[in-house]
C-alpha cells in the first residue's frame, strides 16, 4: 500500500483511499471485484490471516466462500485494489500503474 500511495503522491494524482481493513467492504463491491478480477486474484492467500485459517475453512474454495471469508476478515483482500475509471487492478506494480494511467490520459 505504501508504495502505491507514494507512487500516486509523487505524480500528484489525487485518490480516495478506502481502508477496508478498518471500515469493511460491502458485499456488492467485493463481488464486483471478484467478477472483474477473479476471486483467486482478490483473495490474498499468501497473507497471514488466510494461512492462519483452519484447514477446513481453506478447503473447497469457490467465489461465494471466498467473498464470505474476505467480508468477514477484510485483511484477506489483496491490497491495493485500484479502481481507475472502472478499470480494476489488484496489487501494485509501477509499470502496470504507468500503463493504466497513461491509457486513462492522466
PDB file of N, CA and C in Angstrom:
ATOM      1  N   UNK A   1       0.818  -1.185   0.000  1.00  0.00           N
ATOM      2  CA  UNK A   1       0.000   0.000   0.000  1.00  0.00           C
ATOM      3  C   UNK A   1       0.870   1.260   0.000  1.00  0.00           C
ATOM      4  N   UNK A   2       1.905   1.261   0.819  1.00  0.00           N
ATOM      5  CA  UNK A   2       2.738   2.449   0.918  1.00  0.00           C
ATOM      6  C   UNK A   2       3.371   2.783  -0.429  1.00  0.00           C
ATOM      7  N   UNK A   3       3.845   1.779  -1.152  1.00  0.00           N
ATOM      8  CA  UNK A   3       4.477   2.035  -2.450  1.00  0.00           C
ATOM      9  C   UNK A   3       3.467   2.622  -3.437  1.00  0.00           C
ATOM     10  N   UNK A   4       2.264   2.102  -3.438  1.00  0.00           N
ATOM     11  CA  UNK A   4       1.226   2.618  -4.344  1.00  0.00           C
ATOM     12  C   UNK A   4       0.873   4.055  -3.973  1.00  0.00           C
ATOM     13  N   UNK A   5       0.702   4.320  -2.699  1.00  0.00           N
ATOM     14  CA  UNK A   5       0.357   5.673  -2.274  1.00  0.00           C
ATOM     15  C   UNK A   5       1.492   6.649  -2.574  1.00  0.00           C
ATOM     16  N   UNK A   6       2.738   6.221  -2.362  1.00  0.00           N
ATOM     17  CA  UNK A   6       3.888   7.067  -2.688  1.00  0.00           C
ATOM     18  C   UNK A   6       3.948   7.341  -4.185  1.00  0.00           C
ATOM     19  N   UNK A   7       3.707   6.300  -4.988  1.00  0.00           N
ATOM     20  CA  UNK A   7       3.728   6.444  -6.449  1.00  0.00           C
ATOM     21  C   UNK A   7       2.705   7.482  -6.887  1.00  0.00           C
ATOM     22  N   UNK A   8       1.505   7.397  -6.354  1.00  0.00           N
ATOM     23  CA  UNK A   8       0.441   8.349  -6.698  1.00  0.00           C
ATOM     24  C   UNK A   8       0.810   9.765  -6.249  1.00  0.00           C
ATOM     25  N   UNK A   9       1.321   9.886  -5.031  1.00  0.00           N
ATOM     26  CA  UNK A   9       1.679  11.201  -4.493  1.00  0.00           C
ATOM     27  C   UNK A   9       2.800  11.846  -5.293  1.00  0.00           C
ATOM     28  N   UNK A  10       3.807  11.070  -5.686  1.00  0.00           N
ATOM     29  CA  UNK A  10       4.930  11.612  -6.458  1.00  0.00           C
ATOM     30  C   UNK A  10       4.484  12.165  -7.804  1.00  0.00           C
ATOM     31  N   UNK A  11       3.381  11.670  -8.317  1.00  0.00           N
ATOM     32  CA  UNK A  11       2.874  12.121  -9.605  1.00  0.00           C
ATOM     33  C   UNK A  11       1.730  13.124  -9.461  1.00  0.00           C
ATOM     34  N   UNK A  12       1.428  13.503  -8.229  1.00  0.00           N
ATOM     35  CA  UNK A  12       0.377  14.486  -7.986  1.00  0.00           C
ATOM     36  C   UNK A  12      -1.008  13.982  -8.339  1.00  0.00           C
ATOM     37  N   UNK A  13      -1.218  12.698  -8.227  1.00  0.00           N
ATOM     38  CA  UNK A  13      -2.505  12.106  -8.572  1.00  0.00           C
ATOM     39  C   UNK A  13      -3.378  12.031  -7.325  1.00  0.00           C
ATOM     40  N   UNK A  14      -4.516  12.702  -7.383  1.00  0.00           N
ATOM     41  CA  UNK A  14      -5.468  12.635  -6.275  1.00  0.00           C
ATOM     42  C   UNK A  14      -6.146  11.277  -6.283  1.00  0.00           C
ATOM     43  N   UNK A  15      -6.433  10.775  -5.094  1.00  0.00           N
ATOM     44  CA  UNK A  15      -7.100   9.482  -4.989  1.00  0.00           C
ATOM     45  C   UNK A  15      -7.919   9.449  -3.710  1.00  0.00           C
ATOM     46  N   UNK A  16      -8.898   8.568  -3.701  1.00  0.00           N
ATOM     47  CA  UNK A  16      -9.687   8.325  -2.493  1.00  0.00           C
ATOM     48  C   UNK A  16      -9.249   6.975  -1.939  1.00  0.00           C
ATOM     49  N   UNK A  17      -8.873   6.962  -0.693  1.00  0.00           N
ATOM     50  CA  UNK A  17      -8.402   5.750  -0.047  1.00  0.00           C
ATOM     51  C   UNK A  17      -9.527   5.164   0.796  1.00  0.00           C
ATOM     52  N   UNK A  18      -9.867   3.921   0.531  1.00  0.00           N
ATOM     53  CA  UNK A  18     -10.881   3.221   1.325  1.00  0.00           C
ATOM     54  C   UNK A  18     -10.165   2.142   2.122  1.00  0.00           C
ATOM     55  N   UNK A  19     -10.111   2.319   3.419  1.00  0.00           N
ATOM     56  CA  UNK A  19      -9.423   1.363   4.296  1.00  0.00           C
ATOM     57  C   UNK A  19     -10.387   0.248   4.673  1.00  0.00           C
ATOM     58  N   UNK A  20     -10.502  -0.753   3.809  1.00  0.00           N
ATOM     59  CA  UNK A  20     -11.463  -1.815   4.082  1.00  0.00           C
ATOM     60  C   UNK A  20     -11.032  -2.709   5.225  1.00  0.00           C
ATOM     61  N   UNK A  21      -9.776  -2.625   5.654  1.00  0.00           N
ATOM     62  CA  UNK A  21      -9.380  -3.362   6.852  1.00  0.00           C
ATOM     63  C   UNK A  21      -9.992  -2.709   8.092  1.00  0.00           C
ATOM     64  N   UNK A  22     -10.156  -1.386   8.058  1.00  0.00           N
ATOM     65  CA  UNK A  22     -10.696  -0.663   9.216  1.00  0.00           C
ATOM     66  C   UNK A  22     -12.208  -0.512   9.145  1.00  0.00           C
ATOM     67  N   UNK A  23     -12.742  -0.219   7.944  1.00  0.00           N
ATOM     68  CA  UNK A  23     -14.172   0.083   7.851  1.00  0.00           C
ATOM     69  C   UNK A  23     -14.983  -0.986   7.126  1.00  0.00           C
ATOM     70  N   UNK A  24     -14.307  -2.018   6.630  1.00  0.00           N
ATOM     71  CA  UNK A  24     -15.017  -3.103   5.968  1.00  0.00           C
ATOM     72  C   UNK A  24     -15.285  -2.815   4.497  1.00  0.00           C
ATOM     73  N   UNK A  25     -15.985  -3.734   3.892  1.00  0.00           N
ATOM     74  CA  UNK A  25     -16.296  -3.645   2.467  1.00  0.00           C
ATOM     75  C   UNK A  25     -17.683  -4.232   2.257  1.00  0.00           C
ATOM     76  N   UNK A  26     -18.460  -3.586   1.409  1.00  0.00           N
ATOM     77  CA  UNK A  26     -19.799  -4.123   1.183  1.00  0.00           C
ATOM     78  C   UNK A  26     -19.725  -5.304   0.213  1.00  0.00           C
ATOM     79  N   UNK A  27     -20.642  -6.201   0.368  1.00  0.00           N
ATOM     80  CA  UNK A  27     -20.653  -7.437  -0.399  1.00  0.00           C
ATOM     81  C   UNK A  27     -20.751  -7.180  -1.897  1.00  0.00           C
ATOM     82  N   UNK A  28     -21.564  -6.231  -2.303  1.00  0.00           N
ATOM     83  CA  UNK A  28     -21.740  -5.942  -3.732  1.00  0.00           C
ATOM     84  C   UNK A  28     -20.427  -5.509  -4.373  1.00  0.00           C
ATOM     85  N   UNK A  29     -19.678  -4.641  -3.711  1.00  0.00           N
ATOM     86  CA  UNK A  29     -18.404  -4.183  -4.267  1.00  0.00           C
ATOM     87  C   UNK A  29     -17.404  -5.334  -4.331  1.00  0.00           C
ATOM     88  N   UNK A  30     -17.355  -6.121  -3.283  1.00  0.00           N
ATOM     89  CA  UNK A  30     -16.439  -7.255  -3.250  1.00  0.00           C
ATOM     90  C   UNK A  30     -16.779  -8.267  -4.346  1.00  0.00           C
ATOM     91  N   UNK A  31     -18.058  -8.522  -4.536  1.00  0.00           N
ATOM     92  CA  UNK A  31     -18.484  -9.439  -5.608  1.00  0.00           C
ATOM     93  C   UNK A  31     -18.139  -8.869  -6.984  1.00  0.00           C
ATOM     94  N   UNK A  32     -18.273  -7.558  -7.148  1.00  0.00           N
ATOM     95  CA  UNK A  32     -17.923  -6.925  -8.427  1.00  0.00           C
ATOM     96  C   UNK A  32     -16.426  -7.051  -8.698  1.00  0.00           C
ATOM     97  N   UNK A  33     -15.612  -6.836  -7.676  1.00  0.00           N
ATOM     98  CA  UNK A  33     -14.168  -7.004  -7.839  1.00  0.00           C
ATOM     99  C   UNK A  33     -13.833  -8.434  -8.242  1.00  0.00           C
ATOM    100  N   UNK A  34     -14.481  -9.394  -7.579  1.00  0.00           N
ATOM    101  CA  UNK A  34     -14.219 -10.802  -7.883  1.00  0.00           C
ATOM    102  C   UNK A  34     -14.694 -11.162  -9.288  1.00  0.00           C
ATOM    103  N   UNK A  35     -15.798 -10.583  -9.720  1.00  0.00           N
ATOM    104  CA  UNK A  35     -16.297 -10.837 -11.073  1.00  0.00           C
ATOM    105  C   UNK A  35     -15.326 -10.268 -12.115  1.00  0.00           C
ATOM    106  N   UNK A  36     -14.777  -9.103 -11.839  1.00  0.00           N
ATOM    107  CA  UNK A  36     -13.887  -8.447 -12.798  1.00  0.00           C
ATOM    108  C   UNK A  36     -12.479  -9.039 -12.799  1.00  0.00           C
ATOM    109  N   UNK A  37     -11.960  -9.337 -11.614  1.00  0.00           N
ATOM    110  CA  UNK A  37     -10.567  -9.764 -11.488  1.00  0.00           C
ATOM    111  C   UNK A  37     -10.404 -11.259 -11.241  1.00  0.00           C
ATOM    112  N   UNK A  38     -11.487 -11.906 -10.802  1.00  0.00           N
ATOM    113  CA  UNK A  38     -11.414 -13.301 -10.378  1.00  0.00           C
ATOM    114  C   UNK A  38     -11.173 -13.366  -8.880  1.00  0.00           C
ATOM    115  N   UNK A  39     -11.948 -14.175  -8.199  1.00  0.00           N
ATOM    116  CA  UNK A  39     -11.794 -14.251  -6.742  1.00  0.00           C
ATOM    117  C   UNK A  39     -10.398 -14.744  -6.358  1.00  0.00           C
ATOM    118  N   UNK A  40      -9.786 -15.537  -7.227  1.00  0.00           N
ATOM    119  CA  UNK A  40      -8.450 -16.057  -6.948  1.00  0.00           C
ATOM    120  C   UNK A  40      -7.421 -14.931  -6.875  1.00  0.00           C
ATOM    121  N   UNK A  41      -7.663 -13.852  -7.606  1.00  0.00           N
ATOM    122  CA  UNK A  41      -6.775 -12.691  -7.595  1.00  0.00           C
ATOM    123  C   UNK A  41      -7.056 -11.806  -6.392  1.00  0.00           C
ATOM    124  N   UNK A  42      -8.313 -11.639  -6.059  1.00  0.00           N
ATOM    125  CA  UNK A  42      -8.693 -10.729  -4.972  1.00  0.00           C
ATOM    126  C   UNK A  42      -8.381 -11.324  -3.602  1.00  0.00           C
ATOM    127  N   UNK A  43      -8.492 -12.615  -3.465  1.00  0.00           N
ATOM    128  CA  UNK A  43      -8.206 -13.279  -2.189  1.00  0.00           C
ATOM    129  C   UNK A  43      -6.703 -13.403  -2.003  1.00  0.00           C
ATOM    130  N   UNK A  44      -6.197 -12.847  -0.925  1.00  0.00           N
ATOM    131  CA  UNK A  44      -4.762 -12.890  -0.628  1.00  0.00           C
ATOM    132  C   UNK A  44      -4.437 -14.162   0.149  1.00  0.00           C
ATOM    133  N   UNK A  45      -4.121 -15.212  -0.579  1.00  0.00           N
ATOM    134  CA  UNK A  45      -3.798 -16.496   0.060  1.00  0.00           C
ATOM    135  C   UNK A  45      -2.421 -16.494   0.708  1.00  0.00           C
ATOM    136  N   UNK A  46      -1.574 -15.548   0.340  1.00  0.00           N
ATOM    137  CA  UNK A  46      -0.217 -15.502   0.889  1.00  0.00           C
ATOM    138  C   UNK A  46      -0.168 -14.824   2.248  1.00  0.00           C
ATOM    139  N   UNK A  47      -1.218 -14.117   2.609  1.00  0.00           N
ATOM    140  CA  UNK A  47      -1.223 -13.371   3.868  1.00  0.00           C
ATOM    141  C   UNK A  47      -1.370 -14.260   5.088  1.00  0.00           C
ATOM    142  N   UNK A  48      -0.964 -13.718   6.214  1.00  0.00           N
ATOM    143  CA  UNK A  48      -1.010 -14.492   7.459  1.00  0.00           C
ATOM    144  C   UNK A  48      -2.438 -14.794   7.903  1.00  0.00           C
ATOM    145  N   UNK A  49      -3.377 -13.911   7.610  1.00  0.00           N
ATOM    146  CA  UNK A  49      -4.763 -14.147   8.028  1.00  0.00           C
ATOM    147  C   UNK A  49      -5.317 -15.375   7.336  1.00  0.00           C
ATOM    148  N   UNK A  50      -5.090 -15.492   6.035  1.00  0.00           N
ATOM    149  CA  UNK A  50      -5.580 -16.657   5.305  1.00  0.00           C
ATOM    150  C   UNK A  50      -4.856 -17.920   5.769  1.00  0.00           C
ATOM    151  N   UNK A  51      -3.559 -17.834   5.897  1.00  0.00           N
ATOM    152  CA  UNK A  51      -2.775 -19.014   6.296  1.00  0.00           C
ATOM    153  C   UNK A  51      -3.125 -19.487   7.699  1.00  0.00           C
ATOM    154  N   UNK A  52      -3.625 -18.568   8.550  1.00  0.00           N
ATOM    155  CA  UNK A  52      -3.988 -18.941   9.923  1.00  0.00           C
ATOM    156  C   UNK A  52      -5.352 -19.606  10.014  1.00  0.00           C
ATOM    157  N   UNK A  53      -6.113 -19.589   8.917  1.00  0.00           N
ATOM    158  CA  UNK A  53      -7.429 -20.238   8.937  1.00  0.00           C
ATOM    159  C   UNK A  53      -7.283 -21.738   9.145  1.00  0.00           C
ATOM    160  N   UNK A  54      -8.264 -22.336   9.790  1.00  0.00           N
ATOM    161  CA  UNK A  54      -8.243 -23.801   9.880  1.00  0.00           C
ATOM    162  C   UNK A  54      -8.296 -24.404   8.474  1.00  0.00           C
ATOM    163  N   UNK A  55      -7.705 -25.548   8.317  1.00  0.00           N
ATOM    164  CA  UNK A  55      -7.666 -26.216   7.019  1.00  0.00           C
ATOM    165  C   UNK A  55      -9.058 -26.357   6.416  1.00  0.00           C
ATOM    166  N   UNK A  56     -10.047 -26.648   7.237  1.00  0.00           N
ATOM    167  CA  UNK A  56     -11.415 -26.831   6.736  1.00  0.00           C
ATOM    168  C   UNK A  56     -11.943 -25.567   6.066  1.00  0.00           C
ATOM    169  N   UNK A  57     -11.567 -24.411   6.577  1.00  0.00           N
ATOM    170  CA  UNK A  57     -12.029 -23.144   6.004  1.00  0.00           C
ATOM    171  C   UNK A  57     -11.354 -22.855   4.661  1.00  0.00           C
ATOM    172  N   UNK A  58     -10.157 -23.434   4.463  1.00  0.00           N
ATOM    173  CA  UNK A  58      -9.420 -23.203   3.217  1.00  0.00           C
ATOM    174  C   UNK A  58      -9.747 -24.231   2.141  1.00  0.00           C
ATOM    175  N   UNK A  59     -10.498 -25.244   2.495  1.00  0.00           N
ATOM    176  CA  UNK A  59     -10.854 -26.304   1.547  1.00  0.00           C
ATOM    177  C   UNK A  59     -12.049 -25.899   0.694  1.00  0.00           C
ATOM    178  N   UNK A  60     -12.110 -26.458  -0.483  1.00  0.00           N
ATOM    179  CA  UNK A  60     -13.263 -26.295  -1.388  1.00  0.00           C
ATOM    180  C   UNK A  60     -13.647 -24.830  -1.596  1.00  0.00           C
ATOM    181  N   UNK A  61     -12.659 -23.992  -1.810  1.00  0.00           N
ATOM    182  CA  UNK A  61     -12.952 -22.579  -2.041  1.00  0.00           C
ATOM    183  C   UNK A  61     -13.626 -22.380  -3.393  1.00  0.00           C
ATOM    184  N   UNK A  62     -14.608 -21.509  -3.396  1.00  0.00           N
ATOM    185  CA  UNK A  62     -15.234 -21.036  -4.620  1.00  0.00           C
ATOM    186  C   UNK A  62     -15.492 -19.545  -4.414  1.00  0.00           C
ATOM    187  N   UNK A  63     -16.094 -18.904  -5.396  1.00  0.00           N
ATOM    188  CA  UNK A  63     -16.296 -17.459  -5.309  1.00  0.00           C
ATOM    189  C   UNK A  63     -17.115 -17.063  -4.089  1.00  0.00           C
ATOM    190  N   UNK A  64     -18.208 -17.771  -3.839  1.00  0.00           N
ATOM    191  CA  UNK A  64     -19.084 -17.412  -2.719  1.00  0.00           C
ATOM    192  C   UNK A  64     -18.356 -17.568  -1.384  1.00  0.00           C
ATOM    193  N   UNK A  65     -17.632 -18.650  -1.221  1.00  0.00           N
ATOM    194  CA  UNK A  65     -16.915 -18.882   0.039  1.00  0.00           C
ATOM    195  C   UNK A  65     -15.786 -17.862   0.198  1.00  0.00           C
ATOM    196  N   UNK A  66     -15.098 -17.550  -0.888  1.00  0.00           N
ATOM    197  CA  UNK A  66     -14.017 -16.566  -0.826  1.00  0.00           C
ATOM    198  C   UNK A  66     -14.554 -15.190  -0.449  1.00  0.00           C
ATOM    199  N   UNK A  67     -15.671 -14.786  -1.048  1.00  0.00           N
ATOM    200  CA  UNK A  67     -16.280 -13.497  -0.720  1.00  0.00           C
ATOM    201  C   UNK A  67     -16.675 -13.462   0.752  1.00  0.00           C
ATOM    202  N   UNK A  68     -17.271 -14.530   1.242  1.00  0.00           N
ATOM    203  CA  UNK A  68     -17.672 -14.581   2.652  1.00  0.00           C
ATOM    204  C   UNK A  68     -16.454 -14.461   3.569  1.00  0.00           C
ATOM    205  N   UNK A  69     -15.365 -15.148   3.233  1.00  0.00           N
ATOM    206  CA  UNK A  69     -14.148 -15.063   4.046  1.00  0.00           C
ATOM    207  C   UNK A  69     -13.584 -13.643   4.040  1.00  0.00           C
ATOM    208  N   UNK A  70     -13.529 -13.038   2.844  1.00  0.00           N
ATOM    209  CA  UNK A  70     -12.964 -11.686   2.743  1.00  0.00           C
ATOM    210  C   UNK A  70     -13.845 -10.647   3.420  1.00  0.00           C
ATOM    211  N   UNK A  71     -15.151 -10.849   3.357  1.00  0.00           N
ATOM    212  CA  UNK A  71     -16.038  -9.891   4.013  1.00  0.00           C
ATOM    213  C   UNK A  71     -15.918 -10.016   5.529  1.00  0.00           C
ATOM    214  N   UNK A  72     -15.772 -11.239   6.022  1.00  0.00           N
ATOM    215  CA  UNK A  72     -15.627 -11.444   7.461  1.00  0.00           C
ATOM    216  C   UNK A  72     -14.273 -10.951   7.970  1.00  0.00           C
ATOM    217  N   UNK A  73     -13.248 -11.091   7.131  1.00  0.00           N
ATOM    218  CA  UNK A  73     -11.890 -10.684   7.517  1.00  0.00           C
ATOM    219  C   UNK A  73     -11.251  -9.934   6.344  1.00  0.00           C
ATOM    220  N   UNK A  74     -11.526  -8.638   6.225  1.00  0.00           N
ATOM    221  CA  UNK A  74     -11.051  -7.862   5.080  1.00  0.00           C
ATOM    222  C   UNK A  74      -9.538  -7.880   4.881  1.00  0.00           C
ATOM    223  N   UNK A  75      -8.775  -8.267   5.893  1.00  0.00           N
ATOM    224  CA  UNK A  75      -7.324  -8.336   5.694  1.00  0.00           C
ATOM    225  C   UNK A  75      -6.951  -9.449   4.717  1.00  0.00           C
ATOM    226  N   UNK A  76      -7.915 -10.279   4.320  1.00  0.00           N
ATOM    227  CA  UNK A  76      -7.660 -11.313   3.320  1.00  0.00           C
ATOM    228  C   UNK A  76      -7.793 -10.780   1.897  1.00  0.00           C
ATOM    229  N   UNK A  77      -8.172  -9.517   1.751  1.00  0.00           N
ATOM    230  CA  UNK A  77      -8.302  -8.915   0.427  1.00  0.00           C
ATOM    231  C   UNK A  77      -6.926  -8.430  -0.007  1.00  0.00           C
ATOM    232  N   UNK A  78      -6.538  -8.782  -1.216  1.00  0.00           N
ATOM    233  CA  UNK A  78      -5.265  -8.309  -1.768  1.00  0.00           C
ATOM    234  C   UNK A  78      -5.296  -6.790  -1.812  1.00  0.00           C
ATOM    235  N   UNK A  79      -4.170  -6.177  -1.491  1.00  0.00           N
ATOM    236  CA  UNK A  79      -4.094  -4.728  -1.478  1.00  0.00           C
ATOM    237  C   UNK A  79      -2.957  -4.264  -2.366  1.00  0.00           C
ATOM    238  N   UNK A  80      -3.079  -3.129  -2.927  1.00  0.00           N
ATOM    239  CA  UNK A  80      -4.294  -2.337  -3.062  1.00  0.00           C
ATOM    240  C   UNK A  80      -5.146  -2.830  -4.235  1.00  0.00           C
ATOM    241  N   UNK A  81      -6.402  -2.471  -4.193  1.00  0.00           N
ATOM    242  CA  UNK A  81      -7.276  -2.622  -5.353  1.00  0.00           C
ATOM    243  C   UNK A  81      -7.432  -1.209  -5.916  1.00  0.00           C
ATOM    244  N   UNK A  82      -7.005  -1.014  -7.137  1.00  0.00           N
ATOM    245  CA  UNK A  82      -7.105   0.290  -7.790  1.00  0.00           C
ATOM    246  C   UNK A  82      -8.303   0.269  -8.725  1.00  0.00           C
ATOM    247  N   UNK A  83      -9.169   1.250  -8.565  1.00  0.00           N
ATOM    248  CA  UNK A  83     -10.294   1.440  -9.479  1.00  0.00           C
ATOM    249  C   UNK A  83     -10.035   2.745 -10.214  1.00  0.00           C
ATOM    250  N   UNK A  84      -9.590   2.626 -11.448  1.00  0.00           N
ATOM    251  CA  UNK A  84      -9.252   3.781 -12.262  1.00  0.00           C
ATOM    252  C   UNK A  84     -10.305   3.915 -13.347  1.00  0.00           C
ATOM    253  N   UNK A  85     -11.308   4.729 -13.052  1.00  0.00           N
ATOM    254  CA  UNK A  85     -12.404   4.955 -14.002  1.00  0.00           C
ATOM    255  C   UNK A  85     -13.035   3.643 -14.456  1.00  0.00           C
ATOM    256  N   UNK A  86     -13.207   2.710 -13.521  1.00  0.00           N
ATOM    257  CA  UNK A  86     -13.840   1.432 -13.829  1.00  0.00           C
ATOM    258  C   UNK A  86     -12.879   0.326 -14.205  1.00  0.00           C
ATOM    259  N   UNK A  87     -11.617   0.661 -14.438  1.00  0.00           N
ATOM    260  CA  UNK A  87     -10.598  -0.352 -14.684  1.00  0.00           C
ATOM    261  C   UNK A  87     -10.009  -0.755 -13.344  1.00  0.00           C
ATOM    262  N   UNK A  88     -10.076  -2.044 -13.033  1.00  0.00           N
ATOM    263  CA  UNK A  88      -9.604  -2.537 -11.749  1.00  0.00           C
ATOM    264  C   UNK A  88      -8.259  -3.233 -11.883  1.00  0.00           C
ATOM    265  N   UNK A  89      -7.411  -3.030 -10.872  1.00  0.00           N
ATOM    266  CA  UNK A  89      -6.135  -3.729 -10.786  1.00  0.00           C
ATOM    267  C   UNK A  89      -5.911  -4.127  -9.337  1.00  0.00           C
ATOM    268  N   UNK A  90      -5.398  -5.325  -9.143  1.00  0.00           N
ATOM    269  CA  UNK A  90      -5.077  -5.804  -7.797  1.00  0.00           C
ATOM    270  C   UNK A  90      -3.566  -5.837  -7.636  1.00  0.00           C
ATOM    271  N   UNK A  91      -3.106  -5.329  -6.513  1.00  0.00           N
ATOM    272  CA  UNK A  91      -1.676  -5.289  -6.247  1.00  0.00           C
ATOM    273  C   UNK A  91      -1.042  -4.071  -6.895  1.00  0.00           C
ATOM    274  N   UNK A  92       0.214  -3.842  -6.565  1.00  0.00           N
ATOM    275  CA  UNK A  92       0.922  -2.680  -7.105  1.00  0.00           C
ATOM    276  C   UNK A  92       2.162  -3.118  -7.859  1.00  0.00           C
ATOM    277  N   UNK A  93       2.211  -2.718  -9.093  1.00  0.00           N
ATOM    278  CA  UNK A  93       3.403  -2.857  -9.927  1.00  0.00           C
ATOM    279  C   UNK A  93       3.526  -1.523 -10.670  1.00  0.00           C
ATOM    280  N   UNK A  94       4.634  -0.806 -10.468  1.00  0.00           N
ATOM    281  CA  UNK A  94       4.769   0.524 -11.061  1.00  0.00           C
ATOM    282  C   UNK A  94       4.518   0.550 -12.568  1.00  0.00           C
ATOM    283  N   UNK A  95       5.025  -0.441 -13.278  1.00  0.00           N
ATOM    284  CA  UNK A  95       4.842  -0.434 -14.734  1.00  0.00           C
ATOM    285  C   UNK A  95       3.377  -0.601 -15.126  1.00  0.00           C
ATOM    286  N   UNK A  96       2.617  -1.358 -14.378  1.00  0.00           N
ATOM    287  CA  UNK A  96       1.184  -1.509 -14.665  1.00  0.00           C
ATOM    288  C   UNK A  96       0.442  -0.214 -14.371  1.00  0.00           C
ATOM    289  N   UNK A  97       0.802   0.458 -13.272  1.00  0.00           N
ATOM    290  CA  UNK A  97       0.182   1.737 -12.957  1.00  0.00           C
ATOM    291  C   UNK A  97       0.501   2.758 -14.057  1.00  0.00           C
ATOM    292  N   UNK A  98       1.764   2.810 -14.499  1.00  0.00           N
ATOM    293  CA  UNK A  98       2.163   3.734 -15.576  1.00  0.00           C
ATOM    294  C   UNK A  98       1.286   3.513 -16.802  1.00  0.00           C
ATOM    295  N   UNK A  99       1.133   2.256 -17.220  1.00  0.00           N
ATOM    296  CA  UNK A  99       0.336   1.926 -18.402  1.00  0.00           C
ATOM    297  C   UNK A  99      -1.126   2.311 -18.208  1.00  0.00           C
ATOM    298  N   UNK A 100      -1.676   1.973 -17.050  1.00  0.00           N
ATOM    299  CA  UNK A 100      -3.098   2.238 -16.796  1.00  0.00           C
ATOM    300  C   UNK A 100      -3.385   3.737 -16.782  1.00  0.00           C
ATOM    301  N   UNK A 101      -2.538   4.508 -16.113  1.00  0.00           N
ATOM    302  CA  UNK A 101      -2.776   5.945 -16.042  1.00  0.00           C
ATOM    303  C   UNK A 101      -2.523   6.614 -17.385  1.00  0.00           C
ATOM    304  N   UNK A 102      -1.563   6.118 -18.150  1.00  0.00           N
ATOM    305  CA  UNK A 102      -1.337   6.661 -19.494  1.00  0.00           C
ATOM    306  C   UNK A 102      -2.527   6.375 -20.388  1.00  0.00           C
ATOM    307  N   UNK A 103      -3.066   5.170 -20.309  1.00  0.00           N
ATOM    308  CA  UNK A 103      -4.230   4.805 -21.123  1.00  0.00           C
ATOM    309  C   UNK A 103      -5.450   5.637 -20.731  1.00  0.00           C
ATOM    310  N   UNK A 104      -5.530   6.024 -19.455  1.00  0.00           N
ATOM    311  CA  UNK A 104      -6.652   6.831 -18.980  1.00  0.00           C
ATOM    312  C   UNK A 104      -6.423   8.327 -19.263  1.00  0.00           C
ATOM    313  N   UNK A 105      -5.262   8.647 -19.824  1.00  0.00           N
ATOM    314  CA  UNK A 105      -4.965  10.048 -20.130  1.00  0.00           C
ATOM    315  C   UNK A 105      -4.641  10.883 -18.919  1.00  0.00           C
ATOM    316  N   UNK A 106      -4.039  10.259 -17.941  1.00  0.00           N
ATOM    317  CA  UNK A 106      -3.681  11.003 -16.713  1.00  0.00           C
ATOM    318  C   UNK A 106      -2.188  11.051 -16.510  1.00  0.00           C
TER     319      UNK A 106
END
